[in-house]
Amino acid sequence: MGLLAWLIVGLIAGWLAGQVMKGGGYGLVGDIVVGIAGALIGGFLGSALFNIPNAVNGINLTSILVAFIGAIILIAVLRMVSGSRR
């Protein structure tokens, strides 16, 4: 997957996760970072737990969904470690 595809999927997934988790928002760069990290986490969990090869493989609904789920997991873990910021 190319750099532009990672940025687009990361931005969409990070923004969606920020909206669902009711955070204060992370800004454009923060959403991209959260989304890309979520894609890595979601891709790893998808392949390890559900045996889905190449869960994140381009700009498509499956990749965005996997990155979104990974981003939600990342935000939840970060909030558990550092405490909720409301």
PDB file of N, CA and C in Angstrom:
ATOM      1  N   MET A   1       0.851  -1.161   0.000  1.00  0.00           N
ATOM      2  CA  MET A   1       0.000   0.000   0.000  1.00  0.00           C
ATOM      3  C   MET A   1       0.900   1.228   0.000  1.00  0.00           C
ATOM      4  N   GLY A   2       0.599   2.179  -0.850  1.00  0.00           N
ATOM      5  CA  GLY A   2       1.418   3.374  -0.988  1.00  0.00           C
ATOM      6  C   GLY A   2       1.227   4.350   0.149  1.00  0.00           C
ATOM      7  N   LEU A   3       2.130   5.308   0.207  1.00  0.00           N
ATOM      8  CA  LEU A   3       2.102   6.306   1.270  1.00  0.00           C
ATOM      9  C   LEU A   3       0.809   7.117   1.248  1.00  0.00           C
ATOM     10  N   LEU A   4       0.375   7.518   0.073  1.00  0.00           N
ATOM     11  CA  LEU A   4      -0.860   8.290  -0.036  1.00  0.00           C
ATOM     12  C   LEU A   4      -2.070   7.486   0.458  1.00  0.00           C
ATOM     13  N   ALA A   5      -2.098   6.209   0.137  1.00  0.00           N
ATOM     14  CA  ALA A   5      -3.194   5.356   0.598  1.00  0.00           C
ATOM     15  C   ALA A   5      -3.176   5.233   2.122  1.00  0.00           C
ATOM     16  N   TRP A   6      -1.995   5.071   2.726  1.00  0.00           N
ATOM     17  CA  TRP A   6      -1.896   5.008   4.188  1.00  0.00           C
ATOM     18  C   TRP A   6      -2.400   6.301   4.816  1.00  0.00           C
ATOM     19  N   LEU A   7      -2.038   7.446   4.211  1.00  0.00           N
ATOM     20  CA  LEU A   7      -2.474   8.731   4.762  1.00  0.00           C
ATOM     21  C   LEU A   7      -3.992   8.896   4.668  1.00  0.00           C
ATOM     22  N   ILE A   8      -4.566   8.513   3.546  1.00  0.00           N
ATOM     23  CA  ILE A   8      -6.012   8.660   3.372  1.00  0.00           C
ATOM     24  C   ILE A   8      -6.778   7.724   4.302  1.00  0.00           C
ATOM     25  N   VAL A   9      -6.377   6.450   4.328  1.00  0.00           N
ATOM     26  CA  VAL A   9      -7.036   5.483   5.228  1.00  0.00           C
ATOM     27  C   VAL A   9      -6.834   5.905   6.680  1.00  0.00           C
ATOM     28  N   GLY A  10      -5.631   6.359   7.027  1.00  0.00           N
ATOM     29  CA  GLY A  10      -5.355   6.809   8.391  1.00  0.00           C
ATOM     30  C   GLY A  10      -6.200   8.004   8.787  1.00  0.00           C
ATOM     31  N   LEU A  11      -6.342   8.951   7.880  1.00  0.00           N
ATOM     32  CA  LEU A  11      -7.142  10.136   8.181  1.00  0.00           C
ATOM     33  C   LEU A  11      -8.607   9.775   8.393  1.00  0.00           C
ATOM     34  N   ILE A  12      -9.159   8.966   7.515  1.00  0.00           N
ATOM     35  CA  ILE A  12     -10.567   8.569   7.639  1.00  0.00           C
ATOM     36  C   ILE A  12     -10.796   7.767   8.910  1.00  0.00           C
ATOM     37  N   ALA A  13      -9.950   6.759   9.137  1.00  0.00           N
ATOM     38  CA  ALA A  13     -10.123   5.905  10.316  1.00  0.00           C
ATOM     39  C   ALA A  13      -9.896   6.678  11.609  1.00  0.00           C
ATOM     40  N   GLY A  14      -8.884   7.537  11.647  1.00  0.00           N
ATOM     41  CA  GLY A  14      -8.604   8.323  12.847  1.00  0.00           C
ATOM     42  C   GLY A  14      -9.720   9.304  13.161  1.00  0.00           C
ATOM     43  N   TRP A  15     -10.256   9.948  12.115  1.00  0.00           N
ATOM     44  CA  TRP A  15     -11.354  10.892  12.325  1.00  0.00           C
ATOM     45  C   TRP A  15     -12.596  10.160  12.830  1.00  0.00           C
ATOM     46  N   LEU A  16     -12.923   9.019  12.215  1.00  0.00           N
ATOM     47  CA  LEU A  16     -14.092   8.246  12.645  1.00  0.00           C
ATOM     48  C   LEU A  16     -13.937   7.769  14.085  1.00  0.00           C
ATOM     49  N   ALA A  17     -12.745   7.280  14.431  1.00  0.00           N
ATOM     50  CA  ALA A  17     -12.515   6.805  15.792  1.00  0.00           C
ATOM     51  C   ALA A  17     -12.623   7.950  16.792  1.00  0.00           C
ATOM     52  N   GLY A  18     -12.121   9.122  16.438  1.00  0.00           N
ATOM     53  CA  GLY A  18     -12.246  10.288  17.316  1.00  0.00           C
ATOM     54  C   GLY A  18     -13.691  10.688  17.538  1.00  0.00           C
ATOM     55  N   GLN A  19     -14.511  10.561  16.502  1.00  0.00           N
ATOM     56  CA  GLN A  19     -15.928  10.894  16.630  1.00  0.00           C
ATOM     57  C   GLN A  19     -16.653   9.875  17.498  1.00  0.00           C
ATOM     58  N   VAL A  20     -16.358   8.609  17.304  1.00  0.00           N
ATOM     59  CA  VAL A  20     -17.035   7.546  18.060  1.00  0.00           C
ATOM     60  C   VAL A  20     -16.615   7.557  19.523  1.00  0.00           C
ATOM     61  N   MET A  21     -15.341   7.796  19.775  1.00  0.00           N
ATOM     62  CA  MET A  21     -14.834   7.767  21.149  1.00  0.00           C
ATOM     63  C   MET A  21     -15.077   9.088  21.892  1.00  0.00           C
ATOM     64  N   LYS A  22     -15.706  10.056  21.257  1.00  0.00           N
ATOM     65  CA  LYS A  22     -16.096  11.333  21.866  1.00  0.00           C
ATOM     66  C   LYS A  22     -14.920  12.053  22.513  1.00  0.00           C
ATOM     67  N   GLY A  23     -13.796  12.072  21.812  1.00  0.00           N
ATOM     68  CA  GLY A  23     -12.629  12.772  22.324  1.00  0.00           C
ATOM     69  C   GLY A  23     -12.660  14.231  21.949  1.00  0.00           C
ATOM     70  N   GLY A  24     -11.660  14.945  22.420  1.00  0.00           N
ATOM     71  CA  GLY A  24     -11.556  16.353  22.093  1.00  0.00           C
ATOM     72  C   GLY A  24     -11.016  16.581  20.698  1.00  0.00           C
ATOM     73  N   GLY A  25     -10.663  15.519  20.006  1.00  0.00           N
ATOM     74  CA  GLY A  25     -10.101  15.642  18.674  1.00  0.00           C
ATOM     75  C   GLY A  25      -8.583  15.707  18.744  1.00  0.00           C
ATOM     76  N   TYR A  26      -7.953  15.237  17.718  1.00  0.00           N
ATOM     77  CA  TYR A  26      -6.495  15.193  17.692  1.00  0.00           C
ATOM     78  C   TYR A  26      -5.933  16.075  16.590  1.00  0.00           C
ATOM     79  N   GLY A  27      -6.773  16.719  15.826  1.00  0.00           N
ATOM     80  CA  GLY A  27      -6.308  17.534  14.721  1.00  0.00           C
ATOM     81  C   GLY A  27      -6.006  16.665  13.511  1.00  0.00           C
ATOM     82  N   LEU A  28      -5.651  17.283  12.422  1.00  0.00           N
ATOM     83  CA  LEU A  28      -5.425  16.562  11.177  1.00  0.00           C
ATOM     84  C   LEU A  28      -4.275  15.577  11.299  1.00  0.00           C
ATOM     85  N   VAL A  29      -3.140  16.033  11.775  1.00  0.00           N
ATOM     86  CA  VAL A  29      -1.964  15.158  11.885  1.00  0.00           C
ATOM     87  C   VAL A  29      -2.202  14.077  12.935  1.00  0.00           C
ATOM     88  N   GLY A  30      -2.820  14.437  14.046  1.00  0.00           N
ATOM     89  CA  GLY A  30      -3.112  13.464  15.093  1.00  0.00           C
ATOM     90  C   GLY A  30      -4.059  12.378  14.622  1.00  0.00           C
ATOM     91  N   ASP A  31      -5.084  12.762  13.862  1.00  0.00           N
ATOM     92  CA  ASP A  31      -6.016  11.769  13.314  1.00  0.00           C
ATOM     93  C   ASP A  31      -5.305  10.822  12.357  1.00  0.00           C
ATOM     94  N   ILE A  32      -4.409  11.354  11.541  1.00  0.00           N
ATOM     95  CA  ILE A  32      -3.659  10.498  10.617  1.00  0.00           C
ATOM     96  C   ILE A  32      -2.785   9.522  11.390  1.00  0.00           C
ATOM     97  N   VAL A  33      -2.100  10.009  12.419  1.00  0.00           N
ATOM     98  CA  VAL A  33      -1.222   9.139  13.216  1.00  0.00           C
ATOM     99  C   VAL A  33      -2.036   8.063  13.925  1.00  0.00           C
ATOM    100  N   VAL A  34      -3.158   8.453  14.536  1.00  0.00           N
ATOM    101  CA  VAL A  34      -4.018   7.481  15.218  1.00  0.00           C
ATOM    102  C   VAL A  34      -4.564   6.457  14.218  1.00  0.00           C
ATOM    103  N   GLY A  35      -4.965   6.921  13.046  1.00  0.00           N
ATOM    104  CA  GLY A  35      -5.496   6.017  12.026  1.00  0.00           C
ATOM    105  C   GLY A  35      -4.449   5.050  11.488  1.00  0.00           C
ATOM    106  N   ILE A  36      -3.231   5.536  11.251  1.00  0.00           N
ATOM    107  CA  ILE A  36      -2.174   4.658  10.750  1.00  0.00           C
ATOM    108  C   ILE A  36      -1.779   3.649  11.822  1.00  0.00           C
ATOM    109  N   ALA A  37      -1.644   4.108  13.065  1.00  0.00           N
ATOM    110  CA  ALA A  37      -1.348   3.173  14.155  1.00  0.00           C
ATOM    111  C   ALA A  37      -2.499   2.178  14.318  1.00  0.00           C
ATOM    112  N   GLY A  38      -3.725   2.653  14.154  1.00  0.00           N
ATOM    113  CA  GLY A  38      -4.883   1.762  14.215  1.00  0.00           C
ATOM    114  C   GLY A  38      -4.871   0.740  13.095  1.00  0.00           C
ATOM    115  N   ALA A  39      -4.425   1.155  11.915  1.00  0.00           N
ATOM    116  CA  ALA A  39      -4.315   0.212  10.799  1.00  0.00           C
ATOM    117  C   ALA A  39      -3.288  -0.870  11.093  1.00  0.00           C
ATOM    118  N   LEU A  40      -2.187  -0.481  11.706  1.00  0.00           N
ATOM    119  CA  LEU A  40      -1.172  -1.479  12.075  1.00  0.00           C
ATOM    120  C   LEU A  40      -1.712  -2.433  13.137  1.00  0.00           C
ATOM    121  N   ILE A  41      -2.358  -1.889  14.155  1.00  0.00           N
ATOM    122  CA  ILE A  41      -2.928  -2.720  15.215  1.00  0.00           C
ATOM    123  C   ILE A  41      -4.039  -3.615  14.669  1.00  0.00           C
ATOM    124  N   GLY A  42      -4.956  -3.018  13.902  1.00  0.00           N
ATOM    125  CA  GLY A  42      -6.062  -3.792  13.333  1.00  0.00           C
ATOM    126  C   GLY A  42      -5.579  -4.862  12.362  1.00  0.00           C
ATOM    127  N   GLY A  43      -4.581  -4.526  11.539  1.00  0.00           N
ATOM    128  CA  GLY A  43      -4.024  -5.508  10.616  1.00  0.00           C
ATOM    129  C   GLY A  43      -3.363  -6.663  11.339  1.00  0.00           C
ATOM    130  N   PHE A  44      -2.625  -6.346  12.420  1.00  0.00           N
ATOM    131  CA  PHE A  44      -1.991  -7.400  13.204  1.00  0.00           C
ATOM    132  C   PHE A  44      -3.028  -8.293  13.870  1.00  0.00           C
ATOM    133  N   LEU A  45      -4.033  -7.678  14.497  1.00  0.00           N
ATOM    134  CA  LEU A  45      -5.064  -8.473  15.162  1.00  0.00           C
ATOM    135  C   LEU A  45      -5.894  -9.280  14.165  1.00  0.00           C
ATOM    136  N   GLY A  46      -6.170  -8.689  13.008  1.00  0.00           N
ATOM    137  CA  GLY A  46      -6.923  -9.409  11.981  1.00  0.00           C
ATOM    138  C   GLY A  46      -6.194 -10.640  11.479  1.00  0.00           C
ATOM    139  N   SER A  47      -4.895 -10.522  11.319  1.00  0.00           N
ATOM    140  CA  SER A  47      -4.135 -11.678  10.839  1.00  0.00           C
ATOM    141  C   SER A  47      -3.870 -12.683  11.960  1.00  0.00           C
ATOM    142  N   ALA A  48      -3.647 -12.196  13.180  1.00  0.00           N
ATOM    143  CA  ALA A  48      -3.331 -13.105  14.280  1.00  0.00           C
ATOM    144  C   ALA A  48      -4.565 -13.830  14.816  1.00  0.00           C
ATOM    145  N   LEU A  49      -5.673 -13.111  14.972  1.00  0.00           N
ATOM    146  CA  LEU A  49      -6.854 -13.710  15.584  1.00  0.00           C
ATOM    147  C   LEU A  49      -7.813 -14.338  14.581  1.00  0.00           C
ATOM    148  N   PHE A  50      -7.975 -13.700  13.431  1.00  0.00           N
ATOM    149  CA  PHE A  50      -8.989 -14.155  12.480  1.00  0.00           C
ATOM    150  C   PHE A  50      -8.415 -14.711  11.190  1.00  0.00           C
ATOM    151  N   ASN A  51      -7.081 -14.796  11.126  1.00  0.00           N
ATOM    152  CA  ASN A  51      -6.395 -15.369   9.975  1.00  0.00           C
ATOM    153  C   ASN A  51      -6.789 -14.678   8.666  1.00  0.00           C
ATOM    154  N   ILE A  52      -6.846 -13.343   8.700  1.00  0.00           N
ATOM    155  CA  ILE A  52      -7.159 -12.547   7.515  1.00  0.00           C
ATOM    156  C   ILE A  52      -5.844 -12.010   6.958  1.00  0.00           C
ATOM    157  N   PRO A  53      -5.376 -12.538   5.842  1.00  0.00           N
ATOM    158  CA  PRO A  53      -4.119 -12.023   5.288  1.00  0.00           C
ATOM    159  C   PRO A  53      -4.343 -10.666   4.617  1.00  0.00           C
ATOM    160  N   ASN A  54      -3.411  -9.762   4.783  1.00  0.00           N
ATOM    161  CA  ASN A  54      -3.476  -8.425   4.181  1.00  0.00           C
ATOM    162  C   ASN A  54      -4.799  -7.726   4.478  1.00  0.00           C
ATOM    163  N   ALA A  55      -5.104  -7.572   5.751  1.00  0.00           N
ATOM    164  CA  ALA A  55      -6.368  -6.956   6.145  1.00  0.00           C
ATOM    165  C   ALA A  55      -6.443  -5.492   5.710  1.00  0.00           C
ATOM    166  N   VAL A  56      -5.302  -4.830   5.663  1.00  0.00           N
ATOM    167  CA  VAL A  56      -5.246  -3.442   5.203  1.00  0.00           C
ATOM    168  C   VAL A  56      -4.417  -3.434   3.929  1.00  0.00           C
ATOM    169  N   ASN A  57      -5.095  -3.276   2.776  1.00  0.00           N
ATOM    170  CA  ASN A  57      -4.374  -3.433   1.517  1.00  0.00           C
ATOM    171  C   ASN A  57      -4.734  -2.399   0.462  1.00  0.00           C
ATOM    172  N   GLY A  58      -5.203  -1.257   0.839  1.00  0.00           N
ATOM    173  CA  GLY A  58      -5.526  -0.213  -0.127  1.00  0.00           C
ATOM    174  C   GLY A  58      -6.647   0.664   0.389  1.00  0.00           C
ATOM    175  N   ILE A  59      -7.118   1.545  -0.460  1.00  0.00           N
ATOM    176  CA  ILE A  59      -8.212   2.422  -0.063  1.00  0.00           C
ATOM    177  C   ILE A  59      -9.514   1.720  -0.409  1.00  0.00           C
ATOM    178  N   ASN A  60     -10.052   0.997   0.565  1.00  0.00           N
ATOM    179  CA  ASN A  60     -11.331   0.314   0.392  1.00  0.00           C
ATOM    180  C   ASN A  60     -12.023   0.234   1.750  1.00  0.00           C
ATOM    181  N   LEU A  61     -13.259  -0.199   1.738  1.00  0.00           N
ATOM    182  CA  LEU A  61     -14.055  -0.228   2.961  1.00  0.00           C
ATOM    183  C   LEU A  61     -13.477  -1.170   4.004  1.00  0.00           C
ATOM    184  N   THR A  62     -12.955  -2.301   3.571  1.00  0.00           N
ATOM    185  CA  THR A  62     -12.376  -3.262   4.514  1.00  0.00           C
ATOM    186  C   THR A  62     -11.174  -2.671   5.230  1.00  0.00           C
ATOM    187  N   SER A  63     -10.294  -2.019   4.495  1.00  0.00           N
ATOM    188  CA  SER A  63      -9.114  -1.404   5.102  1.00  0.00           C
ATOM    189  C   SER A  63      -9.504  -0.313   6.090  1.00  0.00           C
ATOM    190  N   ILE A  64     -10.473   0.503   5.708  1.00  0.00           N
ATOM    191  CA  ILE A  64     -10.917   1.574   6.600  1.00  0.00           C
ATOM    192  C   ILE A  64     -11.554   0.989   7.857  1.00  0.00           C
ATOM    193  N   LEU A  65     -12.330  -0.073   7.717  1.00  0.00           N
ATOM    194  CA  LEU A  65     -12.971  -0.702   8.873  1.00  0.00           C
ATOM    195  C   LEU A  65     -11.938  -1.315   9.814  1.00  0.00           C
ATOM    196  N   VAL A  66     -10.952  -2.003   9.273  1.00  0.00           N
ATOM    197  CA  VAL A  66      -9.905  -2.605  10.096  1.00  0.00           C
ATOM    198  C   VAL A  66      -9.103  -1.516  10.810  1.00  0.00           C
ATOM    199  N   ALA A  67      -8.741  -0.450  10.099  1.00  0.00           N
ATOM    200  CA  ALA A  67      -7.999   0.652  10.711  1.00  0.00           C
ATOM    201  C   ALA A  67      -8.841   1.366  11.764  1.00  0.00           C
ATOM    202  N   PHE A  68     -10.128   1.510  11.511  1.00  0.00           N
ATOM    203  CA  PHE A  68     -11.048   2.141  12.452  1.00  0.00           C
ATOM    204  C   PHE A  68     -11.126   1.346  13.751  1.00  0.00           C
ATOM    205  N   ILE A  69     -11.277   0.037  13.647  1.00  0.00           N
ATOM    206  CA  ILE A  69     -11.336  -0.811  14.844  1.00  0.00           C
ATOM    207  C   ILE A  69     -10.018  -0.754  15.609  1.00  0.00           C
ATOM    208  N   GLY A  70      -8.912  -0.797  14.889  1.00  0.00           N
ATOM    209  CA  GLY A  70      -7.611  -0.679  15.537  1.00  0.00           C
ATOM    210  C   GLY A  70      -7.425   0.670  16.217  1.00  0.00           C
ATOM    211  N   ALA A  71      -7.909   1.743  15.596  1.00  0.00           N
ATOM    212  CA  ALA A  71      -7.795   3.072  16.187  1.00  0.00           C
ATOM    213  C   ALA A  71      -8.645   3.190  17.451  1.00  0.00           C
ATOM    214  N   ILE A  72      -9.822   2.579  17.452  1.00  0.00           N
ATOM    215  CA  ILE A  72     -10.654   2.578  18.657  1.00  0.00           C
ATOM    216  C   ILE A  72      -9.949   1.839  19.785  1.00  0.00           C
ATOM    217  N   ILE A  73      -9.351   0.705  19.462  1.00  0.00           N
ATOM    218  CA  ILE A  73      -8.600  -0.053  20.476  1.00  0.00           C
ATOM    219  C   ILE A  73      -7.448   0.792  21.002  1.00  0.00           C
ATOM    220  N   LEU A  74      -6.725   1.464  20.111  1.00  0.00           N
ATOM    221  CA  LEU A  74      -5.598   2.306  20.518  1.00  0.00           C
ATOM    222  C   LEU A  74      -6.058   3.431  21.439  1.00  0.00           C
ATOM    223  N   ILE A  75      -7.120   4.133  21.080  1.00  0.00           N
ATOM    224  CA  ILE A  75      -7.622   5.234  21.914  1.00  0.00           C
ATOM    225  C   ILE A  75      -8.090   4.711  23.264  1.00  0.00           C
ATOM    226  N   ALA A  76      -8.773   3.573  23.284  1.00  0.00           N
ATOM    227  CA  ALA A  76      -9.250   2.999  24.546  1.00  0.00           C
ATOM    228  C   ALA A  76      -8.083   2.630  25.457  1.00  0.00           C
ATOM    229  N   VAL A  77      -7.050   2.022  24.901  1.00  0.00           N
ATOM    230  CA  VAL A  77      -5.883   1.637  25.710  1.00  0.00           C
ATOM    231  C   VAL A  77      -5.160   2.884  26.216  1.00  0.00           C
ATOM    232  N   LEU A  78      -5.004   3.887  25.361  1.00  0.00           N
ATOM    233  CA  LEU A  78      -4.346   5.123  25.802  1.00  0.00           C
ATOM    234  C   LEU A  78      -5.130   5.813  26.909  1.00  0.00           C
ATOM    235  N   ARG A  79      -6.441   5.785  26.826  1.00  0.00           N
ATOM    236  CA  ARG A  79      -7.250   6.392  27.884  1.00  0.00           C
ATOM    237  C   ARG A  79      -7.178   5.596  29.170  1.00  0.00           C
ATOM    238  N   MET A  80      -7.071   4.280  29.068  1.00  0.00           N
ATOM    239  CA  MET A  80      -6.948   3.453  30.280  1.00  0.00           C
ATOM    240  C   MET A  80      -5.604   3.715  30.968  1.00  0.00           C
ATOM    241  N   VAL A  81      -4.570   3.905  30.184  1.00  0.00           N
ATOM    242  CA  VAL A  81      -3.238   4.117  30.743  1.00  0.00           C
ATOM    243  C   VAL A  81      -3.103   5.522  31.332  1.00  0.00           C
ATOM    244  N   SER A  82      -3.580   6.527  30.605  1.00  0.00           N
ATOM    245  CA  SER A  82      -3.355   7.900  31.048  1.00  0.00           C
ATOM    246  C   SER A  82      -4.551   8.531  31.745  1.00  0.00           C
ATOM    247  N   GLY A  83      -5.679   7.887  31.736  1.00  0.00           N
ATOM    248  CA  GLY A  83      -6.877   8.468  32.319  1.00  0.00           C
ATOM    249  C   GLY A  83      -7.645   9.245  31.273  1.00  0.00           C
ATOM    250  N   SER A  84      -8.941   9.329  31.424  1.00  0.00           N
ATOM    251  CA  SER A  84      -9.800   9.985  30.441  1.00  0.00           C
ATOM    252  C   SER A  84      -9.630  11.497  30.516  1.00  0.00           C
ATOM    253  N   ARG A  85      -9.534  12.134  29.333  1.00  0.00           N
ATOM    254  CA  ARG A  85      -9.425  13.592  29.258  1.00  0.00           C
ATOM    255  C   ARG A  85     -10.758  14.139  28.774  1.00  0.00           C
ATOM    256  N   ARG A  86     -11.570  14.607  29.654  1.00  0.00           N
ATOM    257  CA  ARG A  86     -12.857  15.194  29.262  1.00  0.00           C
ATOM    258  C   ARG A  86     -12.939  16.612  29.696  1.00  0.00           C
TER     259      ARG A  86
END
